[in-house]
Amino acid sequence: MSRDKTRIRSIVKSMKQLGASKYEIDEYMCLYVLKKPHVIAQIRKKAKIFRSEGW
Protein backbone atom coordinates (compact mmCIF):
# COMPACT_ATOMS: atom_id res chain seq x y z
CA MET A 1 0.00 0.00 0.00
CA SER A 2 2.78 2.44 0.82
CA ARG A 3 4.27 1.81 -2.61
CA ASP A 4 0.95 2.82 -4.17
CA LYS A 5 0.88 6.01 -2.08
CA THR A 6 4.40 6.90 -3.20
CA ARG A 7 3.48 6.24 -6.82
CA ILE A 8 0.34 8.38 -6.59
CA ARG A 9 2.31 11.21 -4.97
CA SER A 10 4.93 11.18 -7.72
CA ILE A 11 2.26 11.08 -10.42
CA VAL A 12 0.33 13.96 -8.84
CA LYS A 13 3.55 15.98 -8.58
CA SER A 14 4.22 15.38 -12.28
CA MET A 15 0.66 16.31 -13.20
CA LYS A 16 0.97 19.59 -11.28
CA GLN A 17 4.26 20.38 -13.02
CA LEU A 18 2.58 19.76 -16.39
CA GLY A 19 -0.25 22.13 -15.46
CA ALA A 20 -3.08 19.68 -14.81
CA SER A 21 -6.16 21.08 -13.13
CA LYS A 22 -7.29 19.98 -9.67
CA TYR A 23 -10.25 18.21 -11.30
CA GLU A 24 -7.94 16.18 -13.57
CA ILE A 25 -5.75 15.20 -10.62
CA ASP A 26 -8.76 14.16 -8.51
CA GLU A 27 -10.18 12.16 -11.42
CA TYR A 28 -6.86 10.39 -11.92
CA MET A 29 -6.58 9.49 -8.22
CA CYS A 30 -10.12 8.09 -8.15
CA LEU A 31 -9.46 5.97 -11.23
CA TYR A 32 -6.16 4.76 -9.81
CA VAL A 33 -7.82 3.68 -6.59
CA LEU A 34 -10.58 1.91 -8.53
CA LYS A 35 -7.92 0.17 -10.67
CA LYS A 36 -9.14 1.08 -14.13
CA PRO A 37 -5.87 0.82 -16.05
CA HIS A 38 -7.34 1.34 -19.53
CA VAL A 39 -8.84 4.67 -18.49
CA ILE A 40 -5.67 5.66 -16.67
CA ALA A 41 -3.62 4.89 -19.79
CA GLN A 42 -5.79 7.32 -21.77
CA ILE A 43 -5.27 10.02 -19.14
CA ARG A 44 -1.52 9.43 -19.11
CA LYS A 45 -1.39 9.69 -22.87
CA LYS A 46 -3.57 12.78 -22.89
CA ALA A 47 -1.49 14.56 -20.25
CA LYS A 48 1.80 13.19 -21.66
CA ILE A 49 2.78 12.03 -18.20
CA PHE A 50 4.12 8.74 -19.49
CA ARG A 51 7.00 10.59 -21.17
CA SER A 52 8.11 12.45 -18.06
CA GLU A 53 7.76 9.37 -15.84
CA GLY A 54 9.45 7.02 -18.30
CA TRP A 55 6.42 4.79 -18.88
C-alpha atoms as a PDB file:
ATOM      1  CA  MET A   1       0.000   0.000   0.000  1.00  0.00           C
ATOM      2  CA  SER A   2       2.775   2.442   0.820  1.00  0.00           C
ATOM      3  CA  ARG A   3       4.272   1.812  -2.613  1.00  0.00           C
ATOM      4  CA  ASP A   4       0.949   2.824  -4.173  1.00  0.00           C
ATOM      5  CA  LYS A   5       0.882   6.013  -2.084  1.00  0.00           C
ATOM      6  CA  THR A   6       4.395   6.903  -3.199  1.00  0.00           C
ATOM      7  CA  ARG A   7       3.481   6.238  -6.823  1.00  0.00           C
ATOM      8  CA  ILE A   8       0.345   8.378  -6.593  1.00  0.00           C
ATOM      9  CA  ARG A   9       2.315  11.215  -4.970  1.00  0.00           C
ATOM     10  CA  SER A  10       4.934  11.183  -7.722  1.00  0.00           C
ATOM     11  CA  ILE A  11       2.259  11.081 -10.423  1.00  0.00           C
ATOM     12  CA  VAL A  12       0.327  13.960  -8.843  1.00  0.00           C
ATOM     13  CA  LYS A  13       3.546  15.983  -8.585  1.00  0.00           C
ATOM     14  CA  SER A  14       4.223  15.380 -12.277  1.00  0.00           C
ATOM     15  CA  MET A  15       0.660  16.306 -13.197  1.00  0.00           C
ATOM     16  CA  LYS A  16       0.969  19.586 -11.284  1.00  0.00           C
ATOM     17  CA  GLN A  17       4.257  20.384 -13.021  1.00  0.00           C
ATOM     18  CA  LEU A  18       2.582  19.765 -16.386  1.00  0.00           C
ATOM     19  CA  GLY A  19      -0.247  22.133 -15.459  1.00  0.00           C
ATOM     20  CA  ALA A  20      -3.075  19.679 -14.814  1.00  0.00           C
ATOM     21  CA  SER A  21      -6.163  21.080 -13.132  1.00  0.00           C
ATOM     22  CA  LYS A  22      -7.293  19.983  -9.668  1.00  0.00           C
ATOM     23  CA  TYR A  23     -10.248  18.214 -11.299  1.00  0.00           C
ATOM     24  CA  GLU A  24      -7.940  16.176 -13.566  1.00  0.00           C
ATOM     25  CA  ILE A  25      -5.747  15.202 -10.625  1.00  0.00           C
ATOM     26  CA  ASP A  26      -8.760  14.156  -8.511  1.00  0.00           C
ATOM     27  CA  GLU A  27     -10.178  12.160 -11.415  1.00  0.00           C
ATOM     28  CA  TYR A  28      -6.860  10.388 -11.918  1.00  0.00           C
ATOM     29  CA  MET A  29      -6.577   9.495  -8.224  1.00  0.00           C
ATOM     30  CA  CYS A  30     -10.116   8.086  -8.149  1.00  0.00           C
ATOM     31  CA  LEU A  31      -9.464   5.973 -11.233  1.00  0.00           C
ATOM     32  CA  TYR A  32      -6.156   4.756  -9.813  1.00  0.00           C
ATOM     33  CA  VAL A  33      -7.823   3.676  -6.590  1.00  0.00           C
ATOM     34  CA  LEU A  34     -10.578   1.909  -8.532  1.00  0.00           C
ATOM     35  CA  LYS A  35      -7.920   0.170 -10.665  1.00  0.00           C
ATOM     36  CA  LYS A  36      -9.136   1.078 -14.126  1.00  0.00           C
ATOM     37  CA  PRO A  37      -5.871   0.816 -16.053  1.00  0.00           C
ATOM     38  CA  HIS A  38      -7.339   1.336 -19.533  1.00  0.00           C
ATOM     39  CA  VAL A  39      -8.840   4.670 -18.491  1.00  0.00           C
ATOM     40  CA  ILE A  40      -5.666   5.661 -16.666  1.00  0.00           C
ATOM     41  CA  ALA A  41      -3.623   4.895 -19.785  1.00  0.00           C
ATOM     42  CA  GLN A  42      -5.788   7.320 -21.771  1.00  0.00           C
ATOM     43  CA  ILE A  43      -5.270  10.019 -19.140  1.00  0.00           C
ATOM     44  CA  ARG A  44      -1.516   9.432 -19.113  1.00  0.00           C
ATOM     45  CA  LYS A  45      -1.393   9.691 -22.870  1.00  0.00           C
ATOM     46  CA  LYS A  46      -3.568  12.783 -22.891  1.00  0.00           C
ATOM     47  CA  ALA A  47      -1.486  14.561 -20.253  1.00  0.00           C
ATOM     48  CA  LYS A  48       1.802  13.188 -21.657  1.00  0.00           C
ATOM     49  CA  ILE A  49       2.779  12.026 -18.197  1.00  0.00           C
ATOM     50  CA  PHE A  50       4.122   8.740 -19.494  1.00  0.00           C
ATOM     51  CA  ARG A  51       7.000  10.595 -21.171  1.00  0.00           C
ATOM     52  CA  SER A  52       8.108  12.448 -18.059  1.00  0.00           C
ATOM     53  CA  GLU A  53       7.760   9.367 -15.836  1.00  0.00           C
ATOM     54  CA  GLY A  54       9.454   7.021 -18.297  1.00  0.00           C
ATOM     55  CA  TRP A  55       6.418   4.792 -18.879  1.00  0.00           C
END
